[in-house]
Amino acid sequence: QVQLVESGGGLVQPGGSLRLSCAASGSRFSINVMGWYRQAPGKQRELVATITSTGITNYADSVRGRFTISRVITTSTVWLQMNSLKPEDTAVYFCNARVGVSTSALYYWGQGTQVTVSS
């Protein structure tokens, strides 16, 4: 089993920055992809960014150029540096981890951390 704990959320003014972190525990050495998703009130959960164990990243168009995802494999920790934040970035941000591939893959989610961008 994998447990994920997010931290770093909070209230920030437009144009400000926040850094989110997610620490994995349990069977963490089996994780091959980690990422961040977000869900605003009344909206579907959407992908923000993902990173593989080999460093391949993927970003949503809405955050590309503003957000940066990174990962420390040895500690199974994933970071999301968020710059130039906008009110539309307000959401609960969830950490995600994938164990295995294809039909054998398992997915784990953290409890989420609130990010509020407001003046």
Protein backbone atom coordinates (compact mmCIF):
# COMPACT_ATOMS: atom_id res chain seq x y z
CA GLN A 1 0.00 0.00 0.00
CA VAL A 2 1.01 3.60 -0.59
CA GLN A 3 0.01 6.53 1.57
CA LEU A 4 0.29 10.11 0.31
CA VAL A 5 0.34 13.26 2.41
CA GLU A 6 0.20 16.72 0.83
CA SER A 7 1.25 19.99 2.40
CA GLY A 8 2.02 23.58 1.45
CA GLY A 9 -1.38 24.92 0.50
CA GLY A 10 -2.69 28.22 1.72
CA LEU A 11 -3.94 31.68 0.83
CA VAL A 12 -1.91 33.78 -1.58
CA GLN A 13 -2.48 36.96 -3.58
CA PRO A 14 -2.67 36.89 -7.38
CA GLY A 15 0.82 36.84 -8.81
CA GLY A 16 2.20 35.14 -5.74
CA SER A 17 3.83 31.76 -5.33
CA LEU A 18 3.32 28.57 -3.37
CA ARG A 19 5.16 25.28 -3.22
CA LEU A 20 3.27 22.08 -2.58
CA SER A 21 4.86 18.86 -1.43
CA CYS A 22 3.68 15.29 -1.33
CA ALA A 23 5.41 12.56 0.62
CA ALA A 24 4.76 8.89 -0.05
CA SER A 25 5.11 6.10 2.46
CA GLY A 26 4.51 2.37 2.42
CA SER A 27 5.45 0.54 -0.80
CA ARG A 28 6.98 3.73 -2.18
CA PHE A 29 9.75 2.06 -4.17
CA SER A 30 7.16 0.61 -6.56
CA ILE A 31 5.88 4.03 -7.64
CA ASN A 32 6.62 4.90 -11.27
CA VAL A 33 4.55 8.06 -11.77
CA MET A 34 3.57 10.83 -9.39
CA GLY A 35 1.59 13.93 -10.08
CA TRP A 36 -0.75 16.67 -9.04
CA TYR A 37 -4.42 17.09 -9.84
CA ARG A 38 -6.82 19.78 -8.73
CA GLN A 39 -10.53 20.18 -8.25
CA ALA A 40 -12.36 23.48 -7.95
CA PRO A 41 -15.86 23.70 -6.43
CA GLY A 42 -18.41 22.32 -8.88
CA LYS A 43 -15.71 21.27 -11.33
CA GLN A 44 -14.23 17.97 -12.43
CA ARG A 45 -10.86 16.94 -11.11
CA GLU A 46 -8.22 17.84 -13.67
CA LEU A 47 -4.60 17.01 -14.27
CA VAL A 48 -2.09 19.68 -13.32
CA ALA A 49 1.26 17.97 -13.82
CA THR A 50 2.86 14.53 -13.70
CA ILE A 51 6.39 13.24 -13.58
CA THR A 52 7.75 9.75 -14.20
CA SER A 53 10.57 7.99 -12.41
CA THR A 54 12.82 8.91 -15.34
CA GLY A 55 11.99 12.59 -15.15
CA ILE A 56 9.48 12.92 -17.99
CA THR A 57 7.00 15.68 -17.19
CA ASN A 58 3.56 16.57 -18.43
CA TYR A 59 1.68 19.80 -17.76
CA ALA A 60 -1.81 21.06 -18.32
CA ASP A 61 -1.87 23.91 -20.82
CA SER A 62 -3.34 26.21 -18.19
CA VAL A 63 -0.28 25.93 -15.94
CA ARG A 64 2.53 25.37 -18.42
CA GLY A 65 5.26 27.94 -17.92
CA ARG A 66 4.02 28.88 -14.45
CA PHE A 67 4.16 25.61 -12.53
CA THR A 68 7.07 23.21 -12.19
CA ILE A 69 6.87 19.64 -10.96
CA SER A 70 9.88 17.84 -9.54
CA ARG A 71 10.52 14.59 -7.75
CA VAL A 72 13.05 13.12 -5.37
CA ILE A 73 13.01 9.39 -6.12
CA THR A 74 14.95 8.29 -3.05
CA THR A 75 12.35 9.76 -0.71
CA SER A 76 9.33 9.38 -3.03
CA THR A 77 8.55 13.05 -2.68
CA VAL A 78 6.98 15.19 -5.39
CA TRP A 79 6.94 18.98 -5.41
CA LEU A 80 4.84 21.50 -7.29
CA GLN A 81 6.28 25.00 -7.52
CA MET A 82 3.48 27.38 -8.44
CA ASN A 83 4.37 30.86 -9.65
CA SER A 84 2.30 33.73 -11.04
CA LEU A 85 -0.79 32.33 -9.40
CA LYS A 86 -4.20 33.35 -10.68
CA PRO A 87 -7.62 33.27 -9.00
CA GLU A 88 -8.60 30.46 -11.37
CA ASP A 89 -5.88 28.33 -9.80
CA THR A 90 -7.97 28.16 -6.64
CA ALA A 91 -8.76 24.51 -5.94
CA VAL A 92 -8.02 21.55 -3.76
CA TYR A 93 -4.80 20.03 -5.02
CA PHE A 94 -4.39 16.27 -4.80
CA CYS A 95 -1.25 14.20 -4.99
CA ASN A 96 -1.40 11.03 -7.07
CA ALA A 97 0.88 8.02 -7.40
CA ARG A 98 0.82 5.08 -9.80
CA VAL A 99 2.18 1.66 -8.99
CA GLY A 100 2.64 -0.73 -11.90
CA VAL A 101 1.54 -0.29 -15.50
CA SER A 102 -1.30 -1.24 -17.83
CA THR A 103 -3.97 -3.50 -16.33
CA SER A 104 -1.82 -4.18 -13.26
CA ALA A 105 -1.54 -0.51 -12.32
CA LEU A 106 -2.79 0.76 -8.99
CA TYR A 107 -3.52 4.39 -8.21
CA TYR A 108 -3.32 6.17 -4.87
CA TRP A 109 -4.54 9.60 -3.81
CA GLY A 110 -3.76 11.96 -1.00
CA GLN A 111 -6.40 13.84 0.97
CA GLY A 112 -5.72 17.14 -0.79
CA THR A 113 -4.49 20.57 0.21
CA GLN A 114 -6.40 23.80 -0.35
CA VAL A 115 -4.90 26.54 -2.51
CA THR A 116 -6.76 29.84 -2.54
CA VAL A 117 -5.65 32.72 -4.76
CA SER A 118 -7.44 35.91 -3.83
CA SER A 119 -6.79 39.59 -3.26
